[in-house]
Amino acid sequence: KHETASAELLKTICEKILNQEAFAEVAIKDGFIDLAIQEKIVNPILIELKPCFTLNKKKECIEADELEYKNHKTQIQKYLKSNDYIILTDLKTAHLFNRESLIEYEPFHTIAFT
């Protein structure tokens, strides 16, 4: 998968810097999530990674992608049916969603990684 290197980087950051255990490719009720950070008291924080580059076979090059959260509405809302929070990220931008996004699909916060 395109996101494998990003997932490993984020998992390492969680474990070594945040001292939080992170799990990759976690089975949840409605599918698989790229990464889950286990919390001791509440449900895990779910992270859905998207690639920040795509391969353009015609031009034989790699091109930067912009993460458009609106393109992932079905997937994010599906995961929110059984989870409280999910972060949609390409490691450039992170869109934070909670269950309110089941009613009105908007992140409650968006942050840049850089």
C-alpha atoms as a PDB file:
ATOM      1  CA  LYS A   1       0.000   0.000   0.000  1.00  0.00           C
ATOM      2  CA  HIS A   2       1.062   3.564  -0.596  1.00  0.00           C
ATOM      3  CA  GLU A   3       0.596   4.431   3.071  1.00  0.00           C
ATOM      4  CA  THR A   4       2.861   1.718   4.523  1.00  0.00           C
ATOM      5  CA  ALA A   5       5.927   3.933   5.019  1.00  0.00           C
ATOM      6  CA  SER A   6       3.784   6.736   6.449  1.00  0.00           C
ATOM      7  CA  ALA A   7       2.093   4.320   8.840  1.00  0.00           C
ATOM      8  CA  GLU A   8       5.431   3.014  10.104  1.00  0.00           C
ATOM      9  CA  LEU A   9       6.718   6.572  10.608  1.00  0.00           C
ATOM     10  CA  LEU A  10       3.603   7.615  12.506  1.00  0.00           C
ATOM     11  CA  LYS A  11       3.656   4.434  14.589  1.00  0.00           C
ATOM     12  CA  THR A  12       7.276   5.114  15.569  1.00  0.00           C
ATOM     13  CA  ILE A  13       6.453   8.721  16.501  1.00  0.00           C
ATOM     14  CA  CYS A  14       3.568   7.563  18.695  1.00  0.00           C
ATOM     15  CA  GLU A  15       5.617   4.951  20.465  1.00  0.00           C
ATOM     16  CA  LYS A  16       8.946   6.773  20.898  1.00  0.00           C
ATOM     17  CA  ILE A  17       7.840  10.380  21.358  1.00  0.00           C
ATOM     18  CA  LEU A  18       4.302  10.139  22.761  1.00  0.00           C
ATOM     19  CA  ASN A  19       4.952   6.906  24.692  1.00  0.00           C
ATOM     20  CA  GLN A  20       1.664   5.541  23.364  1.00  0.00           C
ATOM     21  CA  GLU A  21       1.255   2.083  21.920  1.00  0.00           C
ATOM     22  CA  ALA A  22       0.127   2.191  18.286  1.00  0.00           C
ATOM     23  CA  PHE A  23      -1.157  -0.658  16.151  1.00  0.00           C
ATOM     24  CA  ALA A  24      -1.134  -0.803  12.351  1.00  0.00           C
ATOM     25  CA  GLU A  25      -3.903  -2.297  10.170  1.00  0.00           C
ATOM     26  CA  VAL A  26      -6.390  -2.765  12.982  1.00  0.00           C
ATOM     27  CA  ALA A  27      -9.648  -4.581  12.356  1.00  0.00           C
ATOM     28  CA  ILE A  28     -12.606  -2.528  13.532  1.00  0.00           C
ATOM     29  CA  LYS A  29     -16.320  -3.178  13.260  1.00  0.00           C
ATOM     30  CA  ASP A  30     -16.686  -1.730   9.762  1.00  0.00           C
ATOM     31  CA  GLY A  31     -13.336  -2.595   8.158  1.00  0.00           C
ATOM     32  CA  PHE A  32      -9.659  -1.936   8.745  1.00  0.00           C
ATOM     33  CA  ILE A  33      -8.088   1.301   9.964  1.00  0.00           C
ATOM     34  CA  ASP A  34      -4.490   2.167   9.121  1.00  0.00           C
ATOM     35  CA  LEU A  35      -3.414   2.978  12.683  1.00  0.00           C
ATOM     36  CA  ALA A  36      -4.928   2.968  16.166  1.00  0.00           C
ATOM     37  CA  ILE A  37      -3.446   4.600  19.259  1.00  0.00           C
ATOM     38  CA  GLN A  38      -4.679   2.765  22.312  1.00  0.00           C
ATOM     39  CA  GLU A  39      -5.818   4.919  25.196  1.00  0.00           C
ATOM     40  CA  LYS A  40      -6.068   3.473  28.703  1.00  0.00           C
ATOM     41  CA  ILE A  41      -9.423   5.009  29.609  1.00  0.00           C
ATOM     42  CA  VAL A  42     -11.307   5.756  26.383  1.00  0.00           C
ATOM     43  CA  ASN A  43     -11.706   4.183  22.956  1.00  0.00           C
ATOM     44  CA  PRO A  44      -8.617   4.170  20.749  1.00  0.00           C
ATOM     45  CA  ILE A  45      -7.844   7.124  18.516  1.00  0.00           C
ATOM     46  CA  LEU A  46      -8.137   5.952  14.924  1.00  0.00           C
ATOM     47  CA  ILE A  47      -5.943   7.287  12.141  1.00  0.00           C
ATOM     48  CA  GLU A  48      -6.738   6.821   8.466  1.00  0.00           C
ATOM     49  CA  LEU A  49      -3.686   7.508   6.301  1.00  0.00           C
ATOM     50  CA  LYS A  50      -3.858   8.608   2.696  1.00  0.00           C
ATOM     51  CA  PRO A  51      -0.882   8.879   0.336  1.00  0.00           C
ATOM     52  CA  CYS A  52       0.580  12.333  -0.218  1.00  0.00           C
ATOM     53  CA  PHE A  53       1.993  11.283  -3.607  1.00  0.00           C
ATOM     54  CA  THR A  54       0.696   9.268  -6.548  1.00  0.00           C
ATOM     55  CA  LEU A  55       2.487   7.641  -9.427  1.00  0.00           C
ATOM     56  CA  ASN A  56       1.723   9.167 -12.810  1.00  0.00           C
ATOM     57  CA  LYS A  57       2.499   6.293 -15.164  1.00  0.00           C
ATOM     58  CA  LYS A  58       2.035   8.371 -18.315  1.00  0.00           C
ATOM     59  CA  LYS A  59       4.563  10.992 -17.227  1.00  0.00           C
ATOM     60  CA  GLU A  60       6.678   8.405 -15.369  1.00  0.00           C
ATOM     61  CA  CYS A  61       6.895  10.570 -12.274  1.00  0.00           C
ATOM     62  CA  ILE A  62       5.542  10.959  -8.770  1.00  0.00           C
ATOM     63  CA  GLU A  63       3.107  13.826  -8.197  1.00  0.00           C
ATOM     64  CA  ALA A  64       1.987  15.479  -4.984  1.00  0.00           C
ATOM     65  CA  ASP A  65      -1.634  14.931  -3.970  1.00  0.00           C
ATOM     66  CA  GLU A  66      -3.810  17.241  -1.914  1.00  0.00           C
ATOM     67  CA  LEU A  67      -5.914  15.538   0.716  1.00  0.00           C
ATOM     68  CA  GLU A  68      -9.559  16.431   0.138  1.00  0.00           C
ATOM     69  CA  TYR A  69     -11.508  15.229   3.151  1.00  0.00           C
ATOM     70  CA  LYS A  70     -14.782  15.518   1.231  1.00  0.00           C
ATOM     71  CA  ASN A  71     -13.649  12.620  -0.995  1.00  0.00           C
ATOM     72  CA  HIS A  72     -13.577  10.287   2.028  1.00  0.00           C
ATOM     73  CA  LYS A  73     -17.011  10.975   3.509  1.00  0.00           C
ATOM     74  CA  THR A  74     -18.382   7.429   3.178  1.00  0.00           C
ATOM     75  CA  GLN A  75     -15.333   5.819   4.752  1.00  0.00           C
ATOM     76  CA  ILE A  76     -15.022   8.301   7.634  1.00  0.00           C
ATOM     77  CA  GLN A  77     -18.720   8.179   8.476  1.00  0.00           C
ATOM     78  CA  LYS A  78     -18.671   4.375   8.369  1.00  0.00           C
ATOM     79  CA  TYR A  79     -15.871   4.287  10.967  1.00  0.00           C
ATOM     80  CA  LEU A  80     -17.550   6.928  13.139  1.00  0.00           C
ATOM     81  CA  LYS A  81     -20.634   4.743  13.553  1.00  0.00           C
ATOM     82  CA  SER A  82     -18.682   2.598  16.005  1.00  0.00           C
ATOM     83  CA  ASN A  83     -15.858   4.964  17.084  1.00  0.00           C
ATOM     84  CA  ASP A  84     -15.754   8.381  18.713  1.00  0.00           C
ATOM     85  CA  TYR A  85     -12.838  10.003  16.875  1.00  0.00           C
ATOM     86  CA  ILE A  86     -10.863   9.552  13.691  1.00  0.00           C
ATOM     87  CA  ILE A  87      -8.000  11.490  12.174  1.00  0.00           C
ATOM     88  CA  LEU A  88      -7.755  11.598   8.384  1.00  0.00           C
ATOM     89  CA  THR A  89      -4.226  12.529   7.340  1.00  0.00           C
ATOM     90  CA  ASP A  90      -1.596  12.386   4.623  1.00  0.00           C
ATOM     91  CA  LEU A  91       1.083  13.548   7.114  1.00  0.00           C
ATOM     92  CA  LYS A  92       0.908  17.032   5.595  1.00  0.00           C
ATOM     93  CA  THR A  93      -2.575  17.904   6.835  1.00  0.00           C
ATOM     94  CA  ALA A  94      -4.738  16.264   9.482  1.00  0.00           C
ATOM     95  CA  HIS A  95      -8.531  16.502   9.595  1.00  0.00           C
ATOM     96  CA  LEU A  96     -10.016  15.605  12.979  1.00  0.00           C
ATOM     97  CA  PHE A  97     -13.524  14.163  13.038  1.00  0.00           C
ATOM     98  CA  ASN A  98     -15.893  13.215  15.825  1.00  0.00           C
ATOM     99  CA  ARG A  99     -19.378  11.722  15.775  1.00  0.00           C
ATOM    100  CA  GLU A 100     -20.952  15.077  14.927  1.00  0.00           C
ATOM    101  CA  SER A 101     -19.628  14.416  11.424  1.00  0.00           C
ATOM    102  CA  LEU A 102     -22.285  11.725  11.053  1.00  0.00           C
ATOM    103  CA  ILE A 103     -24.861  14.527  10.919  1.00  0.00           C
ATOM    104  CA  GLU A 104     -22.889  17.289   9.247  1.00  0.00           C
ATOM    105  CA  TYR A 105     -19.759  16.031   7.494  1.00  0.00           C
ATOM    106  CA  GLU A 106     -17.064  18.507   8.486  1.00  0.00           C
ATOM    107  CA  PRO A 107     -13.893  18.055  10.545  1.00  0.00           C
ATOM    108  CA  PHE A 108     -14.091  19.777  13.917  1.00  0.00           C
ATOM    109  CA  HIS A 109     -10.478  20.839  13.437  1.00  0.00           C
ATOM    110  CA  THR A 110      -7.841  20.814  10.686  1.00  0.00           C
ATOM    111  CA  ILE A 111      -4.122  21.189  11.361  1.00  0.00           C
ATOM    112  CA  ALA A 112      -0.978  21.257   9.256  1.00  0.00           C
ATOM    113  CA  PHE A 113       1.917  18.993  10.205  1.00  0.00           C
ATOM    114  CA  THR A 114       4.440  21.530   9.016  1.00  0.00           C
END
